[in-house]
N, C-alpha and C. Protein backbone atom coordinates (compact mmCIF):
# COMPACT_ATOMS: atom_id res chain seq x y z
N MET A 1 61.24 28.24 -44.70
CA MET A 1 60.34 27.10 -44.77
C MET A 1 58.92 27.60 -45.02
N VAL A 2 58.28 27.01 -46.01
CA VAL A 2 56.93 27.41 -46.37
C VAL A 2 55.96 26.38 -45.81
N SER A 3 54.91 26.86 -45.15
CA SER A 3 53.87 25.97 -44.62
C SER A 3 52.55 26.39 -45.21
N TYR A 4 51.75 25.42 -45.53
CA TYR A 4 50.43 25.68 -46.09
C TYR A 4 49.38 25.67 -44.97
N ALA A 5 48.38 26.52 -45.16
CA ALA A 5 47.34 26.66 -44.12
C ALA A 5 46.55 25.39 -43.93
N ASN A 6 46.29 24.66 -45.03
CA ASN A 6 45.47 23.46 -44.91
C ASN A 6 46.22 22.33 -44.22
N GLN A 7 47.55 22.47 -44.04
CA GLN A 7 48.33 21.45 -43.35
C GLN A 7 48.49 21.75 -41.86
N THR A 8 48.42 22.99 -41.49
CA THR A 8 48.65 23.37 -40.09
C THR A 8 47.37 23.67 -39.32
N THR A 9 46.32 24.03 -40.02
CA THR A 9 45.06 24.38 -39.35
C THR A 9 44.17 23.16 -39.25
N ARG A 10 43.73 22.84 -38.04
CA ARG A 10 42.86 21.68 -37.82
C ARG A 10 41.42 22.15 -37.68
N ARG A 11 40.58 21.40 -38.28
CA ARG A 11 39.16 21.72 -38.17
C ARG A 11 38.62 21.24 -36.82
N SER A 12 37.72 22.03 -36.26
CA SER A 12 37.10 21.64 -34.99
C SER A 12 36.18 20.44 -35.21
N PRO A 13 36.23 19.44 -34.31
CA PRO A 13 35.39 18.24 -34.50
C PRO A 13 33.92 18.57 -34.36
N VAL A 14 33.13 17.82 -35.07
CA VAL A 14 31.69 18.00 -35.02
C VAL A 14 31.14 17.24 -33.81
N ASN A 15 30.21 17.85 -33.09
CA ASN A 15 29.59 17.19 -31.94
C ASN A 15 28.82 15.97 -32.38
N GLN A 16 29.14 14.85 -31.76
CA GLN A 16 28.49 13.59 -32.11
C GLN A 16 27.30 13.27 -31.21
N GLY A 17 27.08 14.06 -30.23
CA GLY A 17 25.97 13.82 -29.31
C GLY A 17 25.89 14.90 -28.26
N ASP A 18 24.93 14.79 -27.43
CA ASP A 18 24.73 15.77 -26.38
C ASP A 18 25.63 15.42 -25.20
N HIS A 19 26.57 16.33 -24.90
CA HIS A 19 27.52 16.09 -23.81
C HIS A 19 27.07 16.75 -22.51
N ALA A 20 25.88 17.27 -22.47
CA ALA A 20 25.39 17.91 -21.24
C ALA A 20 25.13 16.86 -20.17
N ASP A 21 25.34 17.24 -18.94
CA ASP A 21 25.12 16.32 -17.82
C ASP A 21 23.65 15.98 -17.70
N ILE A 22 23.37 14.71 -17.57
CA ILE A 22 21.99 14.26 -17.42
C ILE A 22 21.58 14.44 -15.96
N SER A 23 20.53 15.17 -15.73
CA SER A 23 20.09 15.42 -14.37
C SER A 23 19.55 14.16 -13.74
N LYS A 24 19.81 14.01 -12.46
CA LYS A 24 19.35 12.84 -11.73
C LYS A 24 17.85 12.97 -11.44
N PRO A 25 17.15 11.84 -11.37
CA PRO A 25 15.71 11.91 -11.08
C PRO A 25 15.47 12.41 -9.67
N ASN A 26 14.42 13.18 -9.52
CA ASN A 26 14.07 13.72 -8.21
C ASN A 26 13.48 12.62 -7.33
N LYS A 27 13.83 12.67 -6.06
CA LYS A 27 13.29 11.71 -5.12
C LYS A 27 11.87 12.10 -4.74
N ILE A 28 11.04 11.09 -4.52
CA ILE A 28 9.66 11.33 -4.12
C ILE A 28 9.61 11.56 -2.62
N GLY A 29 9.08 12.68 -2.21
CA GLY A 29 8.99 13.02 -0.80
C GLY A 29 7.61 13.55 -0.45
N ALA A 30 7.51 14.11 0.76
CA ALA A 30 6.21 14.60 1.23
C ALA A 30 5.75 15.82 0.43
N SER A 31 6.70 16.61 -0.11
CA SER A 31 6.34 17.81 -0.85
C SER A 31 6.23 17.58 -2.36
N THR A 32 6.35 16.35 -2.81
CA THR A 32 6.28 16.05 -4.24
C THR A 32 4.83 16.20 -4.72
N PRO A 33 4.59 17.05 -5.73
CA PRO A 33 3.21 17.17 -6.25
C PRO A 33 2.79 15.90 -6.99
N TYR A 34 1.54 15.58 -6.93
CA TYR A 34 1.04 14.39 -7.59
C TYR A 34 -0.39 14.65 -8.03
N ASP A 35 -0.86 13.80 -8.92
CA ASP A 35 -2.22 13.93 -9.43
C ASP A 35 -2.77 12.54 -9.68
N PHE A 36 -4.02 12.34 -9.40
CA PHE A 36 -4.67 11.05 -9.61
C PHE A 36 -5.98 11.32 -10.30
N GLU A 37 -6.02 11.06 -11.61
CA GLU A 37 -7.20 11.37 -12.40
C GLU A 37 -8.19 10.22 -12.47
N ALA A 38 -7.74 9.00 -12.21
CA ALA A 38 -8.65 7.87 -12.30
C ALA A 38 -9.59 7.87 -11.09
N ARG A 39 -10.68 7.17 -11.23
CA ARG A 39 -11.67 7.15 -10.15
C ARG A 39 -11.22 6.24 -9.02
N ASN A 40 -10.74 5.04 -9.35
CA ASN A 40 -10.36 4.07 -8.34
C ASN A 40 -9.06 3.39 -8.75
N LEU A 41 -8.49 2.67 -7.80
CA LEU A 41 -7.33 1.85 -8.11
C LEU A 41 -7.78 0.63 -8.91
N THR A 42 -6.95 0.20 -9.84
CA THR A 42 -7.29 -0.99 -10.62
C THR A 42 -7.11 -2.24 -9.76
N ALA A 43 -7.81 -3.29 -10.14
CA ALA A 43 -7.75 -4.53 -9.35
C ALA A 43 -6.37 -5.14 -9.37
N TYR A 44 -5.65 -5.00 -10.49
CA TYR A 44 -4.33 -5.60 -10.59
C TYR A 44 -3.24 -4.53 -10.52
N GLY A 45 -3.53 -3.43 -9.84
CA GLY A 45 -2.52 -2.41 -9.65
C GLY A 45 -1.54 -2.75 -8.55
N GLY A 46 -1.73 -3.85 -7.85
CA GLY A 46 -0.79 -4.25 -6.81
C GLY A 46 -1.44 -4.82 -5.57
N LEU A 47 -2.60 -4.32 -5.16
CA LEU A 47 -3.21 -4.75 -3.92
C LEU A 47 -3.75 -6.17 -3.99
N LEU A 48 -4.42 -6.50 -5.09
CA LEU A 48 -5.03 -7.82 -5.17
C LEU A 48 -4.00 -8.95 -5.14
N PRO A 49 -2.90 -8.87 -5.90
CA PRO A 49 -1.89 -9.93 -5.77
C PRO A 49 -1.25 -9.98 -4.39
N VAL A 50 -1.07 -8.80 -3.75
CA VAL A 50 -0.44 -8.78 -2.43
C VAL A 50 -1.33 -9.43 -1.40
N ILE A 51 -2.62 -9.08 -1.38
CA ILE A 51 -3.52 -9.66 -0.38
C ILE A 51 -3.72 -11.14 -0.62
N THR A 52 -3.68 -11.57 -1.89
CA THR A 52 -3.79 -13.00 -2.18
C THR A 52 -2.58 -13.75 -1.64
N MET A 53 -1.41 -13.18 -1.81
CA MET A 53 -0.20 -13.81 -1.28
C MET A 53 -0.22 -13.87 0.25
N LEU A 54 -0.66 -12.78 0.89
CA LEU A 54 -0.71 -12.77 2.35
C LEU A 54 -1.71 -13.79 2.89
N GLU A 55 -2.83 -13.98 2.19
CA GLU A 55 -3.80 -14.98 2.62
C GLU A 55 -3.23 -16.39 2.51
N LYS A 56 -2.53 -16.68 1.44
CA LYS A 56 -1.95 -18.02 1.27
C LYS A 56 -0.83 -18.29 2.28
N LEU A 57 -0.14 -17.23 2.72
CA LEU A 57 0.93 -17.40 3.69
C LEU A 57 0.42 -17.37 5.13
N GLY A 58 -0.87 -17.18 5.33
CA GLY A 58 -1.44 -17.16 6.67
C GLY A 58 -1.01 -15.98 7.50
N PHE A 59 -0.99 -14.80 6.88
CA PHE A 59 -0.52 -13.60 7.56
C PHE A 59 -1.44 -13.20 8.71
N GLN A 60 -2.74 -13.25 8.51
CA GLN A 60 -3.68 -12.82 9.56
C GLN A 60 -3.59 -13.72 10.78
N GLN A 61 -3.56 -15.01 10.58
CA GLN A 61 -3.47 -15.93 11.72
C GLN A 61 -2.17 -15.74 12.48
N LEU A 62 -1.07 -15.51 11.76
CA LEU A 62 0.21 -15.30 12.41
C LEU A 62 0.22 -14.03 13.24
N VAL A 63 -0.36 -12.95 12.71
CA VAL A 63 -0.40 -11.69 13.44
C VAL A 63 -1.27 -11.81 14.69
N GLU A 64 -2.43 -12.41 14.56
CA GLU A 64 -3.34 -12.52 15.70
C GLU A 64 -2.80 -13.44 16.78
N GLU A 65 -2.00 -14.44 16.41
CA GLU A 65 -1.42 -15.34 17.40
C GLU A 65 -0.17 -14.77 18.06
N THR A 66 0.53 -13.87 17.39
CA THR A 66 1.81 -13.38 17.90
C THR A 66 1.67 -12.09 18.68
N LEU A 67 0.89 -11.13 18.17
CA LEU A 67 0.78 -9.83 18.81
C LEU A 67 -0.17 -9.89 19.99
N THR A 68 0.25 -9.34 21.11
CA THR A 68 -0.58 -9.27 22.31
C THR A 68 -1.02 -7.82 22.50
N VAL A 69 -2.12 -7.46 21.86
CA VAL A 69 -2.66 -6.11 21.94
C VAL A 69 -3.93 -6.16 22.77
N LYS A 70 -3.91 -5.51 23.92
CA LYS A 70 -5.06 -5.53 24.83
C LYS A 70 -6.08 -4.44 24.52
N ARG A 71 -5.69 -3.43 23.76
CA ARG A 71 -6.60 -2.33 23.47
C ARG A 71 -7.74 -2.82 22.59
N GLN A 72 -8.96 -2.50 22.98
CA GLN A 72 -10.14 -2.85 22.20
C GLN A 72 -10.40 -1.74 21.17
N THR A 73 -10.21 -2.07 19.92
CA THR A 73 -10.40 -1.07 18.85
C THR A 73 -11.85 -1.10 18.38
N ARG A 74 -12.36 0.06 17.97
CA ARG A 74 -13.75 0.18 17.54
C ARG A 74 -13.88 0.35 16.03
N ALA A 75 -13.02 1.18 15.44
CA ALA A 75 -13.15 1.46 14.01
C ALA A 75 -12.88 0.23 13.17
N MET A 76 -11.84 -0.52 13.53
CA MET A 76 -11.46 -1.74 12.82
C MET A 76 -10.84 -2.70 13.81
N PRO A 77 -10.79 -3.98 13.48
CA PRO A 77 -10.05 -4.90 14.35
C PRO A 77 -8.56 -4.58 14.34
N MET A 78 -7.84 -5.16 15.30
CA MET A 78 -6.41 -4.92 15.40
C MET A 78 -5.69 -5.29 14.11
N PHE A 79 -6.05 -6.42 13.53
CA PHE A 79 -5.41 -6.84 12.29
C PHE A 79 -5.72 -5.88 11.15
N GLY A 80 -6.88 -5.24 11.17
CA GLY A 80 -7.23 -4.29 10.13
C GLY A 80 -6.29 -3.10 10.11
N PHE A 81 -5.89 -2.61 11.29
CA PHE A 81 -4.94 -1.50 11.35
C PHE A 81 -3.58 -1.93 10.79
N ILE A 82 -3.12 -3.10 11.18
CA ILE A 82 -1.82 -3.59 10.69
C ILE A 82 -1.87 -3.78 9.18
N LEU A 83 -2.91 -4.44 8.70
CA LEU A 83 -3.02 -4.71 7.27
C LEU A 83 -3.18 -3.41 6.47
N GLY A 84 -3.93 -2.46 7.01
CA GLY A 84 -4.12 -1.19 6.31
C GLY A 84 -2.81 -0.45 6.11
N MET A 85 -1.97 -0.44 7.14
CA MET A 85 -0.68 0.23 7.02
C MET A 85 0.26 -0.51 6.08
N VAL A 86 0.20 -1.85 6.09
CA VAL A 86 1.05 -2.63 5.18
C VAL A 86 0.64 -2.38 3.73
N LEU A 87 -0.66 -2.41 3.46
CA LEU A 87 -1.13 -2.22 2.08
C LEU A 87 -0.88 -0.79 1.60
N SER A 88 -0.97 0.19 2.50
CA SER A 88 -0.69 1.56 2.07
C SER A 88 0.77 1.72 1.67
N CYS A 89 1.66 1.02 2.35
CA CYS A 89 3.08 1.04 1.95
C CYS A 89 3.26 0.39 0.59
N CYS A 90 2.50 -0.67 0.31
CA CYS A 90 2.59 -1.33 -0.99
C CYS A 90 2.11 -0.42 -2.11
N VAL A 91 1.11 0.42 -1.82
CA VAL A 91 0.60 1.34 -2.83
C VAL A 91 1.59 2.47 -3.08
N GLY A 92 2.38 2.83 -2.06
CA GLY A 92 3.37 3.89 -2.23
C GLY A 92 3.26 5.02 -1.24
N PHE A 93 2.34 4.91 -0.26
CA PHE A 93 2.17 5.95 0.74
C PHE A 93 2.93 5.55 2.00
N SER A 94 3.94 6.35 2.37
CA SER A 94 4.82 6.00 3.48
C SER A 94 4.47 6.71 4.78
N ARG A 95 3.48 7.59 4.77
CA ARG A 95 3.09 8.33 5.97
C ARG A 95 1.62 8.09 6.29
N LEU A 96 1.30 8.17 7.57
CA LEU A 96 -0.07 7.93 7.97
C LEU A 96 -1.02 9.00 7.45
N ASN A 97 -0.54 10.24 7.34
CA ASN A 97 -1.45 11.28 6.85
C ASN A 97 -1.78 11.11 5.37
N HIS A 98 -1.04 10.23 4.66
CA HIS A 98 -1.37 9.95 3.27
C HIS A 98 -2.58 9.03 3.14
N LEU A 99 -2.97 8.41 4.23
CA LEU A 99 -4.12 7.51 4.17
C LEU A 99 -5.42 8.23 3.85
N ARG A 100 -5.43 9.55 4.02
CA ARG A 100 -6.67 10.28 3.72
C ARG A 100 -6.98 10.24 2.23
N PHE A 101 -5.96 10.02 1.39
CA PHE A 101 -6.20 9.92 -0.04
C PHE A 101 -6.84 8.58 -0.42
N LEU A 102 -6.75 7.61 0.48
CA LEU A 102 -7.34 6.29 0.23
C LEU A 102 -8.52 6.03 1.16
N LYS A 103 -9.08 7.09 1.71
CA LYS A 103 -10.11 6.93 2.74
C LYS A 103 -11.31 6.14 2.23
N ARG A 104 -11.75 6.40 1.01
CA ARG A 104 -12.92 5.72 0.45
C ARG A 104 -12.56 4.94 -0.81
N GLU A 105 -11.33 4.46 -0.89
CA GLU A 105 -10.92 3.66 -2.04
C GLU A 105 -11.61 2.29 -1.97
N PRO A 106 -12.43 1.95 -2.99
CA PRO A 106 -13.20 0.69 -2.91
C PRO A 106 -12.34 -0.56 -2.79
N MET A 107 -11.19 -0.59 -3.46
CA MET A 107 -10.35 -1.78 -3.38
C MET A 107 -9.81 -1.98 -1.97
N LEU A 108 -9.31 -0.90 -1.35
CA LEU A 108 -8.73 -1.03 -0.01
C LEU A 108 -9.81 -1.24 1.05
N THR A 109 -10.89 -0.49 0.98
CA THR A 109 -11.96 -0.66 1.96
C THR A 109 -12.64 -2.03 1.81
N GLY A 110 -12.67 -2.54 0.60
CA GLY A 110 -13.24 -3.87 0.41
C GLY A 110 -12.39 -4.95 1.04
N ILE A 111 -11.07 -4.80 0.95
CA ILE A 111 -10.17 -5.77 1.57
C ILE A 111 -10.28 -5.70 3.09
N LEU A 112 -10.35 -4.48 3.63
CA LEU A 112 -10.43 -4.30 5.08
C LEU A 112 -11.84 -4.45 5.62
N ARG A 113 -12.84 -4.54 4.73
CA ARG A 113 -14.23 -4.74 5.10
C ARG A 113 -14.77 -3.61 5.98
N VAL A 114 -14.51 -2.39 5.54
CA VAL A 114 -15.03 -1.20 6.22
C VAL A 114 -15.61 -0.27 5.17
N ALA A 115 -16.49 0.63 5.61
CA ALA A 115 -17.08 1.59 4.67
C ALA A 115 -16.07 2.65 4.26
N HIS A 116 -15.21 3.07 5.20
CA HIS A 116 -14.15 4.03 4.92
C HIS A 116 -13.07 3.88 5.98
N LEU A 117 -11.87 4.33 5.66
CA LEU A 117 -10.77 4.23 6.61
C LEU A 117 -10.94 5.25 7.72
N PRO A 118 -10.54 4.91 8.94
CA PRO A 118 -10.60 5.89 10.03
C PRO A 118 -9.60 7.01 9.80
N PRO A 119 -9.75 8.15 10.48
CA PRO A 119 -8.82 9.27 10.28
C PRO A 119 -7.43 8.97 10.80
N GLN A 120 -6.51 9.86 10.47
CA GLN A 120 -5.12 9.66 10.86
C GLN A 120 -4.95 9.57 12.36
N SER A 121 -5.70 10.37 13.12
CA SER A 121 -5.57 10.38 14.58
C SER A 121 -5.90 9.02 15.18
N THR A 122 -6.81 8.29 14.56
CA THR A 122 -7.14 6.95 15.07
C THR A 122 -5.97 6.00 14.90
N PHE A 123 -5.29 6.09 13.75
CA PHE A 123 -4.10 5.26 13.55
C PHE A 123 -3.01 5.63 14.54
N TRP A 124 -2.83 6.92 14.81
CA TRP A 124 -1.82 7.35 15.77
C TRP A 124 -2.14 6.84 17.18
N ARG A 125 -3.41 6.91 17.58
CA ARG A 125 -3.78 6.41 18.91
C ARG A 125 -3.56 4.92 19.01
N PHE A 126 -3.81 4.20 17.91
CA PHE A 126 -3.57 2.76 17.93
C PHE A 126 -2.09 2.46 18.12
N LEU A 127 -1.22 3.17 17.39
CA LEU A 127 0.21 2.94 17.53
C LEU A 127 0.71 3.36 18.91
N ALA A 128 0.15 4.45 19.45
CA ALA A 128 0.58 4.91 20.77
C ALA A 128 0.17 3.95 21.88
N SER A 129 -0.87 3.17 21.65
CA SER A 129 -1.35 2.24 22.68
C SER A 129 -0.52 0.97 22.75
N LEU A 130 0.32 0.71 21.76
CA LEU A 130 1.11 -0.52 21.75
C LEU A 130 2.27 -0.41 22.72
N HIS A 131 2.54 -1.47 23.46
CA HIS A 131 3.65 -1.48 24.40
C HIS A 131 4.93 -1.84 23.67
N LEU A 132 6.06 -1.69 24.36
CA LEU A 132 7.36 -1.89 23.72
C LEU A 132 7.57 -3.34 23.27
N GLY A 133 6.92 -4.28 23.94
CA GLY A 133 7.09 -5.68 23.55
C GLY A 133 6.53 -6.00 22.18
N VAL A 134 5.61 -5.16 21.68
CA VAL A 134 5.03 -5.41 20.37
C VAL A 134 6.08 -5.26 19.27
N ALA A 135 7.06 -4.39 19.47
CA ALA A 135 8.12 -4.22 18.47
C ALA A 135 8.87 -5.53 18.25
N ARG A 136 9.18 -6.22 19.33
CA ARG A 136 9.86 -7.51 19.21
C ARG A 136 8.92 -8.56 18.62
N GLN A 137 7.64 -8.47 18.93
CA GLN A 137 6.68 -9.41 18.34
C GLN A 137 6.53 -9.19 16.83
N LEU A 138 6.59 -7.94 16.39
CA LEU A 138 6.53 -7.66 14.96
C LEU A 138 7.74 -8.23 14.23
N LEU A 139 8.91 -8.17 14.87
CA LEU A 139 10.09 -8.80 14.27
C LEU A 139 9.91 -10.32 14.17
N LYS A 140 9.24 -10.89 15.17
CA LYS A 140 8.98 -12.32 15.12
C LYS A 140 8.04 -12.66 13.98
N VAL A 141 7.02 -11.81 13.75
CA VAL A 141 6.13 -12.01 12.61
C VAL A 141 6.93 -11.93 11.31
N GLN A 142 7.84 -10.98 11.24
CA GLN A 142 8.66 -10.84 10.04
C GLN A 142 9.52 -12.07 9.81
N TRP A 143 10.11 -12.61 10.87
CA TRP A 143 10.94 -13.81 10.72
C TRP A 143 10.11 -14.99 10.22
N ARG A 144 8.93 -15.17 10.81
CA ARG A 144 8.07 -16.27 10.39
C ARG A 144 7.62 -16.10 8.93
N MET A 145 7.27 -14.89 8.55
CA MET A 145 6.86 -14.65 7.17
C MET A 145 8.01 -14.89 6.21
N ARG A 146 9.23 -14.53 6.61
CA ARG A 146 10.39 -14.80 5.75
C ARG A 146 10.57 -16.30 5.55
N GLU A 147 10.40 -17.07 6.62
CA GLU A 147 10.53 -18.53 6.50
C GLU A 147 9.49 -19.10 5.54
N ARG A 148 8.27 -18.59 5.63
CA ARG A 148 7.20 -19.10 4.76
C ARG A 148 7.42 -18.68 3.31
N VAL A 149 7.89 -17.47 3.09
CA VAL A 149 8.16 -17.01 1.72
C VAL A 149 9.31 -17.80 1.12
N TRP A 150 10.37 -18.02 1.87
CA TRP A 150 11.50 -18.79 1.35
C TRP A 150 11.09 -20.22 1.04
N GLU A 151 10.24 -20.78 1.89
CA GLU A 151 9.78 -22.15 1.64
C GLU A 151 8.90 -22.21 0.41
N ALA A 152 8.00 -21.24 0.24
CA ALA A 152 7.11 -21.22 -0.93
C ALA A 152 7.88 -20.95 -2.21
N ALA A 153 8.92 -20.12 -2.13
CA ALA A 153 9.71 -19.78 -3.32
C ALA A 153 10.89 -20.71 -3.51
N ASN A 154 11.03 -21.71 -2.64
CA ASN A 154 12.13 -22.68 -2.72
C ASN A 154 13.49 -21.99 -2.70
N VAL A 155 13.63 -21.04 -1.76
CA VAL A 155 14.89 -20.34 -1.58
C VAL A 155 15.73 -21.14 -0.59
N GLN A 156 16.87 -21.63 -1.03
CA GLN A 156 17.76 -22.43 -0.21
C GLN A 156 19.15 -21.80 -0.24
N LEU A 157 19.50 -21.14 0.85
CA LEU A 157 20.80 -20.46 0.95
C LEU A 157 21.60 -21.10 2.08
N ASP A 158 22.78 -21.62 1.73
CA ASP A 158 23.66 -22.17 2.75
C ASP A 158 24.36 -21.07 3.54
N GLU A 159 24.64 -19.96 2.88
CA GLU A 159 25.28 -18.83 3.52
C GLU A 159 24.59 -17.55 3.06
N ILE A 160 24.59 -16.55 3.94
CA ILE A 160 24.02 -15.25 3.58
C ILE A 160 25.03 -14.16 3.93
N THR A 161 24.90 -13.05 3.27
CA THR A 161 25.74 -11.88 3.53
C THR A 161 24.87 -10.80 4.14
N VAL A 162 25.26 -10.33 5.31
CA VAL A 162 24.50 -9.31 6.02
C VAL A 162 25.22 -7.97 5.87
N ASP A 163 24.58 -7.04 5.20
CA ASP A 163 25.12 -5.69 5.03
C ASP A 163 24.62 -4.81 6.17
N THR A 164 25.54 -4.17 6.85
CA THR A 164 25.22 -3.29 7.98
C THR A 164 25.66 -1.88 7.65
N ASP A 165 24.78 -0.94 7.86
CA ASP A 165 25.10 0.45 7.57
C ASP A 165 24.20 1.35 8.41
N THR A 166 24.64 2.57 8.57
CA THR A 166 23.87 3.56 9.32
C THR A 166 23.23 4.54 8.35
N THR A 167 22.19 5.17 8.79
CA THR A 167 21.53 6.21 8.01
C THR A 167 21.20 7.37 8.94
N VAL A 168 20.76 8.46 8.38
CA VAL A 168 20.45 9.67 9.15
C VAL A 168 18.97 9.97 9.03
N HIS A 169 18.32 10.13 10.16
CA HIS A 169 16.90 10.51 10.19
C HIS A 169 16.80 11.87 10.87
N THR A 170 16.54 12.90 10.09
CA THR A 170 16.51 14.26 10.60
C THR A 170 15.29 14.49 11.48
N LEU A 171 15.49 15.21 12.57
CA LEU A 171 14.41 15.55 13.50
C LEU A 171 14.13 17.05 13.41
N PHE A 172 12.87 17.40 13.46
CA PHE A 172 12.46 18.79 13.44
C PHE A 172 11.71 19.09 14.73
N GLY A 173 12.44 19.04 15.82
CA GLY A 173 11.86 19.25 17.13
C GLY A 173 12.86 18.89 18.20
N ASN A 174 12.37 18.64 19.39
CA ASN A 174 13.23 18.29 20.53
C ASN A 174 12.93 16.88 21.00
N GLN A 175 12.92 15.93 20.07
CA GLN A 175 12.65 14.55 20.42
C GLN A 175 13.78 13.98 21.29
N MET A 176 13.41 13.08 22.19
CA MET A 176 14.37 12.49 23.10
C MET A 176 15.41 11.69 22.32
N GLY A 177 16.66 11.90 22.62
CA GLY A 177 17.75 11.18 21.96
C GLY A 177 18.29 11.86 20.72
N GLY A 178 17.70 12.97 20.31
CA GLY A 178 18.18 13.67 19.14
C GLY A 178 19.50 14.37 19.42
N ARG A 179 20.45 14.25 18.53
CA ARG A 179 21.77 14.86 18.69
C ARG A 179 22.19 15.52 17.38
N LYS A 180 23.07 16.50 17.48
CA LYS A 180 23.65 17.12 16.31
C LYS A 180 24.91 16.35 15.92
N SER A 181 24.87 15.75 14.76
CA SER A 181 26.00 14.96 14.30
C SER A 181 26.08 15.06 12.79
N TYR A 182 26.66 14.06 12.16
CA TYR A 182 26.83 14.07 10.70
C TYR A 182 25.46 14.03 10.02
N ASN A 183 25.15 15.10 9.32
CA ASN A 183 23.88 15.20 8.61
C ASN A 183 24.11 16.03 7.36
N PRO A 184 24.50 15.40 6.24
CA PRO A 184 24.89 16.17 5.05
C PRO A 184 23.76 16.95 4.42
N LYS A 185 22.52 16.47 4.50
CA LYS A 185 21.41 17.15 3.86
C LYS A 185 20.85 18.28 4.70
N ASN A 186 20.87 18.13 6.01
CA ASN A 186 20.34 19.15 6.91
C ASN A 186 21.39 19.43 7.98
N LYS A 187 22.42 20.18 7.61
CA LYS A 187 23.52 20.43 8.52
C LYS A 187 23.06 21.28 9.70
N GLY A 188 23.48 20.86 10.90
CA GLY A 188 23.11 21.57 12.11
C GLY A 188 21.84 21.09 12.76
N LYS A 189 21.07 20.25 12.06
CA LYS A 189 19.82 19.73 12.62
C LYS A 189 20.09 18.50 13.49
N LYS A 190 19.25 18.35 14.48
CA LYS A 190 19.32 17.14 15.29
C LYS A 190 18.81 15.95 14.50
N SER A 191 19.29 14.78 14.85
CA SER A 191 18.90 13.60 14.08
C SER A 191 19.10 12.34 14.91
N TYR A 192 18.50 11.27 14.43
CA TYR A 192 18.79 9.92 14.90
C TYR A 192 19.75 9.28 13.91
N GLN A 193 20.41 8.22 14.34
CA GLN A 193 21.31 7.49 13.46
C GLN A 193 21.01 5.99 13.56
N PRO A 194 19.94 5.54 12.90
CA PRO A 194 19.59 4.12 12.98
C PRO A 194 20.65 3.25 12.31
N ILE A 195 20.83 2.07 12.85
CA ILE A 195 21.72 1.07 12.26
C ILE A 195 20.84 -0.02 11.67
N LEU A 196 20.96 -0.28 10.39
CA LEU A 196 20.11 -1.22 9.67
C LEU A 196 20.94 -2.35 9.09
N ARG A 197 20.34 -3.53 9.04
CA ARG A 197 21.02 -4.71 8.50
C ARG A 197 20.10 -5.38 7.47
N PHE A 198 20.67 -5.69 6.32
CA PHE A 198 19.92 -6.27 5.22
C PHE A 198 20.62 -7.54 4.73
N ILE A 199 19.82 -8.48 4.24
CA ILE A 199 20.36 -9.69 3.63
C ILE A 199 20.67 -9.37 2.17
N ALA A 200 21.94 -9.46 1.80
CA ALA A 200 22.37 -9.01 0.47
C ALA A 200 21.76 -9.87 -0.63
N GLU A 201 21.63 -11.16 -0.43
CA GLU A 201 21.16 -12.05 -1.49
C GLU A 201 19.70 -11.80 -1.85
N THR A 202 18.87 -11.50 -0.87
CA THR A 202 17.43 -11.31 -1.12
C THR A 202 16.97 -9.87 -0.91
N ARG A 203 17.88 -8.99 -0.45
CA ARG A 203 17.56 -7.59 -0.20
C ARG A 203 16.45 -7.43 0.82
N GLU A 204 16.42 -8.28 1.82
CA GLU A 204 15.41 -8.22 2.87
C GLU A 204 15.99 -7.56 4.11
N TYR A 205 15.12 -6.87 4.84
CA TYR A 205 15.51 -6.27 6.11
C TYR A 205 15.67 -7.38 7.14
N ALA A 206 16.83 -7.42 7.80
CA ALA A 206 17.09 -8.47 8.78
C ALA A 206 16.90 -7.98 10.21
N ALA A 207 17.51 -6.85 10.55
CA ALA A 207 17.42 -6.34 11.92
C ALA A 207 17.87 -4.89 11.90
N GLY A 208 17.73 -4.25 13.04
CA GLY A 208 18.14 -2.86 13.14
C GLY A 208 17.92 -2.34 14.54
N SER A 209 18.49 -1.19 14.80
CA SER A 209 18.32 -0.56 16.11
C SER A 209 18.35 0.95 15.94
N LEU A 210 17.55 1.63 16.74
CA LEU A 210 17.47 3.09 16.70
C LEU A 210 18.48 3.67 17.68
N ARG A 211 19.39 4.48 17.16
CA ARG A 211 20.42 5.08 17.98
C ARG A 211 20.27 6.60 17.99
N THR A 212 20.90 7.23 18.96
CA THR A 212 20.89 8.68 19.01
C THR A 212 21.72 9.24 17.86
N GLY A 213 21.72 10.55 17.71
CA GLY A 213 22.44 11.16 16.62
C GLY A 213 23.94 11.10 16.77
N ASP A 214 24.44 10.73 17.93
CA ASP A 214 25.88 10.62 18.12
C ASP A 214 26.44 9.46 17.32
N ARG A 215 27.70 9.56 16.99
CA ARG A 215 28.35 8.48 16.25
C ARG A 215 28.44 7.24 17.15
N PRO A 216 27.92 6.10 16.70
CA PRO A 216 27.95 4.89 17.56
C PRO A 216 29.35 4.33 17.69
N SER A 217 29.60 3.60 18.76
CA SER A 217 30.88 2.98 18.98
C SER A 217 31.04 1.75 18.10
N GLY A 218 32.25 1.24 18.00
CA GLY A 218 32.52 0.06 17.19
C GLY A 218 31.81 -1.16 17.71
């Protein structure tokens, strides 16, 4: 039997595209390098619409009526500390030590009506002075704000779906309640295991509780 080479030999297919694995985007953390070349934040970069919305929803009046803070603050009023931390989260800073980058930001200081933001230690002392009942009062503020936002946005839900899941918060020290348990990113480290609940339809935080690093019971 005679066979021809052009009948038995197959040509290798030509690559139609890049088959290399696409790398996942890096998460932004405390060690992520960043650069800010502009002089100030723009007026419509996020803060102005947020503060306008909070004013229309009566956020300041609700906070001052709900929170019972007896500590007399000097650098800013009590509401100024709360609002400063909320607005810093809106800008993208999740830690108190990041506030030093916004210390003399005209947009933020203008909203808070101060010449400059107080140092990080002042914010820590303010948080340390709050009693445990303030945590429940903050949840009450959140519930009231959710009601006002849903009413303003005409959100009408007959039923909601509550997603419950746990997460791992790694500890780098000997904090009370820290346990060695399931921690895929930092194996062997002590951690907390908070339980968080979110409303699936609106992706809002509903409730949660801070648990030790041990696996919680059913």
